[in-house]
Amino acid sequence: MTNYFTEENSAETVINAMSDDADPRLREVMSVVIRKLHEAVKEIEPSQDEWMAAIQFLTATGQKCDEWRQEYILASDTLGVSMLVDAINSRRPSGATENTVLGPFHVANVPESPMGANLCLDGKGEPMFVHGVVRDLDGAPVEGVKMDVWQANEDGFYDVQQKGIQPEFNLRGVFRTGADGRYWFQAVKPLYYPVPTDGPVGALMERLGRHCFRPAHFHYILEKDGYDRLTTHIFDPDDPYIGSDAVFGVKESLMAKFRPIDDVAQAAEHGFEGRFFDVEHDFVLAPV
């Protein structure tokens, strides 16, 4: 029997048009998407001009994407969808370090460095000593964890955003923990920074009265066979945007105090000539 499209049966008519031979998971996903989309349209009752404005927004979003810019990911991030998908896919036992979003500036195949190396290759910024221990859920140190770290510079830019200005692999490092599970490296104090605002997503955020800033943070990926891969950040709890991250990535458990140290002896111990910041944060890995 043919179902002719009406306002009342719109979603069911479109869903029933899918073949029984369609991939079951795809059919399941699209059924939910179609049903919720039609529910939204019926609740909003957009005018033809409003619907065309939505189409134009999606068109402009696609046109803004290229090899280095993914405007759809930015849309997903700023609408909280990226964090929701991450939360669903990274449920862990109590006590394990929480996940957060990867972000768009991770770089694969960064050369491995000896533990304790200085990530800052251009000598710019306020020095930091970052350290802690990687443990399992029982509190035992985990040896041989591959730790991939990256951060923005003192002006809020990653190296890939300033090619020719920052050295390649500036403020990036890959390390492996020893038998005691400890990690430590030198870095610089990161700054809060804006997500890109020169596209349709930025324009939408402005119209919604939302700011575009992410609070200062370090990125981490921790990997070891037998453990759940951890993609996370550590944040400066004193950052002015700590309570209003534009991509909703902050979690209270991921805050680490950025302590200023003026002691000359401590500075010399870590290879600094003067004032530096000390950041201590431990990670707990969950088994697969």
Protein backbone atom coordinates (compact mmCIF):
# COMPACT_ATOMS: atom_id res chain seq x y z
CA MET A 1 0.00 0.00 0.00
CA THR A 2 1.35 3.43 -0.94
CA ASN A 3 1.71 6.02 1.81
CA TYR A 4 1.16 9.46 0.36
CA PHE A 5 3.03 12.23 2.13
CA THR A 6 1.02 14.33 4.58
CA GLU A 7 2.01 16.67 7.37
CA GLU A 8 0.83 14.11 9.91
CA ASN A 9 2.65 11.05 8.54
CA SER A 10 5.69 12.80 7.04
CA ALA A 11 8.42 11.00 9.00
CA GLU A 12 6.87 7.55 8.66
CA THR A 13 6.45 8.02 4.91
CA VAL A 14 10.13 8.87 4.43
CA ILE A 15 11.30 6.07 6.75
CA ASN A 16 9.12 3.52 4.95
CA ALA A 17 10.74 4.51 1.64
CA MET A 18 13.97 2.84 2.77
CA SER A 19 14.56 -0.64 1.39
CA ASP A 20 14.42 -3.66 3.67
CA ASP A 21 17.78 -4.58 2.13
CA ALA A 22 19.45 -1.41 3.46
CA ASP A 23 22.21 -1.85 6.02
CA PRO A 24 20.35 -2.44 9.34
CA ARG A 25 22.46 0.01 11.36
CA LEU A 26 22.18 2.69 8.68
CA ARG A 27 18.43 2.18 8.56
CA GLU A 28 18.23 2.44 12.35
CA VAL A 29 20.31 5.62 12.46
CA MET A 30 18.51 7.33 9.59
CA SER A 31 15.11 6.44 11.03
CA VAL A 32 15.97 8.28 14.24
CA VAL A 33 17.50 11.25 12.37
CA ILE A 34 14.48 11.58 10.06
CA ARG A 35 12.00 11.28 12.93
CA LYS A 36 13.77 13.89 15.08
CA LEU A 37 14.31 16.25 12.15
CA HIS A 38 10.64 16.14 11.22
CA GLU A 39 9.70 16.66 14.89
CA ALA A 40 11.90 19.76 15.00
CA VAL A 41 10.42 21.20 11.81
CA LYS A 42 6.87 20.63 13.09
CA GLU A 43 7.71 22.31 16.39
CA ILE A 44 9.52 25.28 14.83
CA GLU A 45 7.23 25.71 11.80
CA PRO A 46 9.87 27.62 9.81
CA SER A 47 8.93 29.97 7.02
CA GLN A 48 10.25 29.22 3.54
CA ASP A 49 12.80 32.02 3.99
CA GLU A 50 13.94 30.60 7.34
CA TRP A 51 14.38 27.13 5.87
CA MET A 52 16.35 28.54 2.95
CA ALA A 53 18.57 30.38 5.46
CA ALA A 54 19.27 27.01 7.13
CA ILE A 55 20.15 25.48 3.75
CA GLN A 56 22.47 28.40 2.99
CA PHE A 57 24.16 27.97 6.39
CA LEU A 58 24.86 24.29 5.64
CA THR A 59 26.10 25.18 2.15
CA ALA A 60 28.47 27.86 3.50
CA THR A 61 29.70 25.45 6.18
CA GLY A 62 30.66 22.89 3.54
CA GLN A 63 32.30 25.52 1.37
CA LYS A 64 34.51 26.60 4.31
CA CYS A 65 36.00 23.11 4.70
CA ASP A 66 39.41 22.26 3.28
CA GLU A 67 42.49 20.19 4.17
CA TRP A 68 43.21 22.26 7.29
CA ARG A 69 39.76 23.55 8.21
CA GLN A 70 36.75 21.38 9.09
CA GLU A 71 33.85 23.74 9.69
CA TYR A 72 31.43 20.86 10.32
CA ILE A 73 33.61 19.63 13.19
CA LEU A 74 33.59 23.20 14.54
CA ALA A 75 29.79 23.18 14.35
CA SER A 76 29.69 19.84 16.15
CA ASP A 77 32.09 21.14 18.81
CA THR A 78 30.29 24.41 19.51
CA LEU A 79 26.87 22.73 19.68
CA GLY A 80 28.15 20.25 22.27
CA VAL A 81 27.64 17.25 20.00
CA SER A 82 31.34 16.32 19.88
CA MET A 83 31.49 16.19 23.68
CA LEU A 84 28.29 14.15 23.86
CA VAL A 85 29.57 11.58 21.34
CA ASP A 86 32.86 11.45 23.23
CA ALA A 87 31.07 10.91 26.56
CA ILE A 88 29.00 8.05 25.12
CA ASN A 89 32.06 6.36 23.67
CA SER A 90 34.39 6.80 26.64
CA ARG A 91 32.42 5.61 29.64
CA ARG A 92 34.95 4.39 32.20
CA PRO A 93 35.01 2.94 35.71
CA SER A 94 35.06 5.32 38.65
CA GLY A 95 38.57 6.59 39.30
CA ALA A 96 39.77 6.49 35.69
CA THR A 97 40.78 9.76 34.07
CA GLU A 98 38.01 11.28 31.99
CA ASN A 99 38.18 11.81 28.25
CA THR A 100 37.55 15.05 26.42
CA VAL A 101 37.62 16.20 22.79
CA LEU A 102 40.66 15.64 20.56
CA GLY A 103 40.56 19.06 18.94
CA PRO A 104 41.58 19.90 15.36
CA PHE A 105 45.32 20.48 15.83
CA HIS A 106 46.71 17.04 16.64
CA VAL A 107 49.64 16.03 14.42
CA ALA A 108 50.53 12.39 13.76
CA ASN A 109 54.09 11.04 13.65
CA VAL A 110 55.70 13.58 15.96
CA PRO A 111 59.26 12.38 16.67
CA GLU A 112 59.68 10.65 20.03
CA SER A 113 61.71 12.57 22.63
CA PRO A 114 63.51 11.52 25.82
CA MET A 115 61.51 12.05 28.98
CA GLY A 116 62.14 15.53 30.36
CA ALA A 117 62.65 17.20 26.98
CA ASN A 118 61.71 20.83 26.38
CA LEU A 119 58.72 21.10 24.01
CA CYS A 120 59.40 24.78 23.34
CA LEU A 121 61.67 25.08 20.30
CA ASP A 122 61.64 28.87 19.89
CA GLY A 123 62.34 29.93 23.47
CA LYS A 124 59.22 32.08 23.71
CA GLY A 125 56.82 32.08 26.65
CA GLU A 126 56.79 31.66 30.41
CA PRO A 127 58.52 28.37 31.29
CA MET A 128 56.61 25.49 32.88
CA PHE A 129 57.56 22.17 34.43
CA VAL A 130 54.78 19.62 33.87
CA HIS A 131 54.89 16.28 35.67
CA GLY A 132 52.94 13.46 37.26
CA VAL A 133 52.45 9.70 37.33
CA VAL A 134 50.43 7.36 35.14
CA ARG A 135 48.72 4.64 37.20
CA ASP A 136 46.17 1.87 36.77
CA LEU A 137 42.91 1.59 38.68
CA ASP A 138 44.68 -0.21 41.53
CA GLY A 139 47.16 2.64 41.93
CA ALA A 140 50.14 0.81 40.46
CA PRO A 141 52.43 2.78 38.08
CA VAL A 142 52.12 1.87 34.41
CA GLU A 143 55.35 1.46 32.47
CA GLY A 144 55.74 2.03 28.74
CA VAL A 145 52.78 4.34 28.23
CA LYS A 146 53.11 6.34 25.02
CA MET A 147 52.25 9.93 25.90
CA ASP A 148 51.52 12.36 23.06
CA VAL A 149 51.41 16.00 24.25
CA TRP A 150 50.70 19.26 22.44
CA GLN A 151 49.73 22.82 23.33
CA ALA A 152 49.20 26.34 21.99
CA ASN A 153 51.88 28.97 22.49
CA GLU A 154 51.81 32.11 24.62
CA ASP A 155 49.76 33.88 21.92
CA GLY A 156 47.17 31.10 21.66
CA PHE A 157 48.36 29.55 18.37
CA TYR A 158 49.45 26.00 17.49
CA ASP A 159 52.46 25.47 15.24
CA VAL A 160 50.29 24.31 12.33
CA GLN A 161 48.45 27.64 12.47
CA GLN A 162 51.70 29.59 12.09
CA LYS A 163 53.77 27.70 9.56
CA GLY A 164 56.94 29.68 8.89
CA ILE A 165 56.56 31.53 12.19
CA GLN A 166 56.74 28.69 14.71
CA PRO A 167 59.20 25.81 14.16
CA GLU A 168 57.76 22.49 13.01
CA PHE A 169 56.67 20.36 15.99
CA ASN A 170 56.93 23.35 18.32
CA LEU A 171 55.25 22.63 21.66
CA ARG A 172 54.67 18.97 20.78
CA GLY A 173 56.25 15.88 22.26
CA VAL A 174 55.95 12.10 22.45
CA PHE A 175 57.35 10.30 25.51
CA ARG A 176 57.16 6.88 27.17
CA THR A 177 56.85 6.34 30.90
CA GLY A 178 59.46 4.33 32.79
CA ALA A 179 58.99 1.62 35.40
CA ASP A 180 57.83 4.19 37.98
CA GLY A 181 55.08 5.48 35.66
CA ARG A 182 56.41 9.02 35.97
CA TYR A 183 56.37 11.64 33.23
CA TRP A 184 57.88 15.11 33.13
CA PHE A 185 58.70 17.69 30.49
CA GLN A 186 59.35 21.40 30.02
CA ALA A 187 56.80 23.58 28.26
CA VAL A 188 55.46 27.14 28.32
CA LYS A 189 52.34 28.59 29.92
CA PRO A 190 49.53 28.28 27.35
CA LEU A 191 46.97 31.02 26.74
CA TYR A 192 43.25 30.84 26.13
CA TYR A 193 42.42 31.17 22.44
CA PRO A 194 39.43 31.59 20.12
CA VAL A 195 38.00 28.89 17.92
CA PRO A 196 37.87 30.07 14.27
CA THR A 197 35.25 32.79 13.82
CA ASP A 198 35.74 33.70 10.16
CA GLY A 199 33.12 31.24 8.90
CA PRO A 200 29.39 30.54 9.24
CA VAL A 201 29.78 28.85 12.65
CA GLY A 202 31.52 31.93 14.06
CA ALA A 203 28.80 34.16 12.64
CA LEU A 204 26.15 31.96 14.25
CA MET A 205 27.90 32.11 17.63
CA GLU A 206 28.02 35.90 17.43
CA ARG A 207 24.30 36.07 16.65
CA LEU A 208 23.64 33.78 19.62
CA GLY A 209 25.63 36.08 21.91
CA ARG A 210 28.26 33.42 22.64
CA HIS A 211 31.98 34.02 23.03
CA CYS A 212 34.43 31.88 21.03
CA PHE A 213 37.21 31.17 23.55
CA ARG A 214 38.70 27.96 24.90
CA PRO A 215 40.45 28.15 28.30
CA ALA A 216 44.20 27.45 28.49
CA HIS A 217 45.04 23.74 28.39
CA PHE A 218 47.43 20.96 27.43
CA HIS A 219 46.35 18.09 25.16
CA TYR A 220 47.24 14.46 25.90
CA ILE A 221 46.82 11.09 24.26
CA LEU A 222 47.93 8.13 26.41
CA GLU A 223 48.22 4.66 24.84
CA LYS A 224 49.37 1.24 25.99
CA ASP A 225 48.23 -2.25 25.01
CA GLY A 226 45.69 -3.59 27.46
CA TYR A 227 44.40 -0.15 28.42
CA ASP A 228 41.67 2.07 27.03
CA ARG A 229 43.17 4.85 24.92
CA LEU A 230 42.87 8.15 26.79
CA THR A 231 42.37 11.42 24.90
CA THR A 232 42.17 14.29 27.35
CA HIS A 233 43.30 17.76 28.47
CA ILE A 234 44.51 19.41 31.63
CA PHE A 235 43.18 22.91 32.26
CA ASP A 236 44.23 26.01 34.15
CA PRO A 237 41.47 26.46 36.78
CA ASP A 238 42.24 30.20 37.05
CA ASP A 239 41.64 30.86 33.36
CA PRO A 240 38.93 33.50 32.70
CA TYR A 241 37.06 31.09 30.39
CA ILE A 242 37.30 27.97 32.56
CA GLY A 243 33.56 28.01 33.23
CA SER A 244 32.43 28.73 29.69
CA ASP A 245 34.56 26.72 27.23
CA ALA A 246 33.24 27.36 23.71
CA VAL A 247 33.33 23.62 22.94
CA PHE A 248 32.21 22.41 26.43
CA GLY A 249 35.38 20.34 26.92
CA VAL A 250 36.17 21.28 30.54
CA LYS A 251 35.68 18.71 33.30
CA GLU A 252 36.38 19.47 36.94
CA SER A 253 38.60 16.40 37.31
CA LEU A 254 40.92 17.69 34.55
CA MET A 255 41.90 20.92 36.29
CA ALA A 256 45.52 21.18 37.44
CA LYS A 257 46.84 24.14 39.40
CA PHE A 258 49.41 26.20 37.50
CA ARG A 259 51.63 27.20 40.45
CA PRO A 260 54.15 30.05 40.01
CA ILE A 261 57.54 29.19 41.57
CA ASP A 262 60.05 31.93 42.38
CA ASP A 263 62.59 29.74 44.19
CA VAL A 264 65.96 30.04 42.41
CA ALA A 265 67.15 26.59 43.51
CA GLN A 266 64.00 24.87 42.19
CA ALA A 267 64.31 26.79 38.94
CA ALA A 268 67.92 25.67 38.50
CA GLU A 269 66.94 22.06 39.26
CA HIS A 270 64.63 22.07 36.26
CA GLY A 271 66.97 24.02 33.98
CA PHE A 272 65.25 27.40 34.28
CA GLU A 273 66.96 30.68 35.06
CA GLY A 274 64.14 32.34 36.96
CA ARG A 275 60.43 32.20 37.73
CA PHE A 276 58.53 29.24 36.29
CA PHE A 277 55.18 27.48 36.66
CA ASP A 278 54.84 24.01 38.15
CA VAL A 279 51.96 21.78 36.99
CA GLU A 280 51.40 18.37 38.57
CA HIS A 281 48.70 16.02 37.33
CA ASP A 282 48.36 12.23 37.51
CA PHE A 283 46.51 10.05 35.01
CA VAL A 284 44.65 6.81 35.70
CA LEU A 285 44.16 4.37 32.82
CA ALA A 286 41.25 1.93 32.62
CA PRO A 287 41.71 -1.59 31.28
CA VAL A 288 40.23 -2.47 27.91
